[in-house]
Amino acid sequence: MADHASDCELCALARTTRWYAQYREPFAFTILDCDSCDTPMAVLGEHRAAISEEERAVMTGALRHLADALAMCDPDDLWFDDKMRQIPDHYHVHLRRRPSWCRTVKS
C-alpha cells in the first residue's frame, strides 16, 4: 500500500487472511478478511483516517457487491461499521451482519 506509516498494520497489509479484490480506480483500496474479527473489510490504500462521502460510498458499494456474491445475508441486515477501534488513524470499514437486537421488523 502507498504512503506507508512505519508502524501501521493497514499500510503493511500482510496477506494473512483471504483477499477478495484490490482496486486502483477511482482510488486505491483493498477488500480482505479482517484478521481480528474474520469479517470482510475495505482498507483505504493510503494512510489517513478521514475520507469523503464519495470515497465511503465506493468502498461500501464494493463491500455490498461482495456480500451479494457471497450470499452473506439479507441486504437489509448489512451494516457498514467504520468505527476504527484498534487502528484509528487508517480508514477501514467492516462489513457486518446487523446484530439481531437492532434489526427492524419487516411487515
Protein backbone atom coordinates (compact mmCIF):
# COMPACT_ATOMS: atom_id res chain seq x y z
CA MET A 1 0.00 0.00 0.00
CA ALA A 2 1.12 3.53 -0.68
CA ASP A 3 2.07 6.16 1.91
CA HIS A 4 3.33 3.58 4.39
CA ALA A 5 3.36 4.71 8.02
CA SER A 6 6.15 2.75 9.68
CA ASP A 7 4.05 1.17 12.45
CA CYS A 8 0.66 0.84 10.71
CA GLU A 9 -0.63 -2.70 10.17
CA LEU A 10 -3.02 -1.49 7.49
CA CYS A 11 -0.24 0.17 5.50
CA ALA A 12 1.78 -3.07 5.63
CA LEU A 13 -1.34 -5.20 4.94
CA ALA A 14 0.21 -8.66 5.28
CA ARG A 15 -1.51 -11.47 3.39
CA THR A 16 -2.56 -13.46 6.43
CA THR A 17 -6.26 -13.70 5.52
CA ARG A 18 -8.38 -14.09 2.40
CA TRP A 19 -8.13 -11.20 -0.06
CA TYR A 20 -11.09 -10.53 -2.36
CA ALA A 21 -10.09 -7.54 -4.51
CA GLN A 22 -7.62 -4.71 -4.93
CA TYR A 23 -8.89 -1.52 -6.53
CA ARG A 24 -6.77 1.21 -8.12
CA GLU A 25 -9.60 3.31 -9.60
CA PRO A 26 -11.18 5.63 -8.68
CA PHE A 27 -8.69 5.37 -5.77
CA ALA A 28 -6.68 2.60 -4.11
CA PHE A 29 -8.30 0.28 -1.58
CA THR A 30 -8.29 -3.43 -0.81
CA ILE A 31 -11.04 -5.78 0.33
CA LEU A 32 -9.94 -8.64 2.58
CA ASP A 33 -10.98 -10.53 5.70
CA CYS A 34 -10.05 -8.77 8.93
CA ASP A 35 -7.52 -10.80 10.90
CA SER A 36 -9.14 -9.75 14.21
CA CYS A 37 -12.84 -10.37 13.56
CA ASP A 38 -12.76 -12.55 10.43
CA THR A 39 -15.25 -10.40 8.50
CA PRO A 40 -14.72 -8.67 5.15
CA MET A 41 -13.39 -5.14 5.31
CA ALA A 42 -12.24 -2.46 2.91
CA VAL A 43 -8.93 -0.74 3.68
CA LEU A 44 -8.02 2.60 2.16
CA GLY A 45 -4.81 2.47 0.13
CA GLU A 46 -3.24 5.47 1.83
CA HIS A 47 -2.59 6.30 5.45
CA ARG A 48 -5.32 8.71 6.54
CA ALA A 49 -8.38 8.49 8.74
CA ALA A 50 -10.71 10.98 7.04
CA ILE A 51 -12.41 10.21 3.74
CA SER A 52 -15.07 11.87 1.65
CA GLU A 53 -18.66 10.64 1.43
CA GLU A 54 -17.95 9.68 -2.18
CA GLU A 55 -14.98 7.53 -1.17
CA ARG A 56 -17.04 5.86 1.55
CA ALA A 57 -19.83 5.18 -0.96
CA VAL A 58 -17.38 3.48 -3.36
CA MET A 59 -15.89 1.32 -0.60
CA THR A 60 -19.23 0.29 0.91
CA GLY A 61 -20.61 -0.35 -2.59
CA ALA A 62 -17.75 -2.76 -3.26
CA LEU A 63 -18.42 -4.46 0.10
CA ARG A 64 -22.14 -4.71 -0.72
CA HIS A 65 -21.24 -6.35 -4.06
CA LEU A 66 -19.07 -8.86 -2.18
CA ALA A 67 -21.90 -9.59 0.27
CA ASP A 68 -24.22 -10.28 -2.67
CA ALA A 69 -21.63 -12.58 -4.30
CA LEU A 70 -21.13 -14.49 -1.05
CA ALA A 71 -24.86 -14.51 -0.24
CA MET A 72 -23.93 -13.36 3.25
CA CYS A 73 -27.39 -12.28 4.37
CA ASP A 74 -30.44 -10.24 3.52
CA PRO A 75 -29.20 -6.86 2.20
CA ASP A 76 -31.30 -5.12 4.87
CA ASP A 77 -29.23 -6.88 7.52
CA LEU A 78 -25.88 -5.46 6.33
CA TRP A 79 -24.07 -2.96 8.50
CA PHE A 80 -21.02 -0.99 7.45
CA ASP A 81 -19.02 -0.49 10.63
CA ASP A 82 -16.36 2.18 10.28
CA LYS A 83 -15.76 2.75 13.97
CA MET A 84 -11.99 2.38 13.86
CA ARG A 85 -11.18 0.92 17.25
CA GLN A 86 -7.75 -0.74 17.09
CA ILE A 87 -6.27 1.30 14.23
CA PRO A 88 -7.91 4.74 14.44
CA ASP A 89 -5.66 6.62 12.02
CA HIS A 90 -6.03 4.50 8.85
CA TYR A 91 -9.53 4.38 7.35
CA HIS A 92 -11.16 0.98 7.06
CA VAL A 93 -14.74 -0.23 7.12
CA HIS A 94 -16.02 -3.67 8.15
CA LEU A 95 -18.95 -5.42 6.55
CA ARG A 96 -21.01 -6.95 9.32
CA ARG A 97 -24.37 -8.55 9.77
CA ARG A 98 -26.58 -6.22 11.75
CA PRO A 99 -26.96 -7.65 15.26
CA SER A 100 -30.35 -9.31 15.80
CA TRP A 101 -31.17 -6.93 18.63
CA CYS A 102 -31.18 -3.93 16.26
CA ARG A 103 -32.80 -5.45 13.15
CA THR A 104 -36.01 -3.86 12.05
CA VAL A 105 -39.13 -5.98 11.97
CA LYS A 106 -40.47 -6.46 8.45
CA SER A 107 -44.20 -6.50 7.91
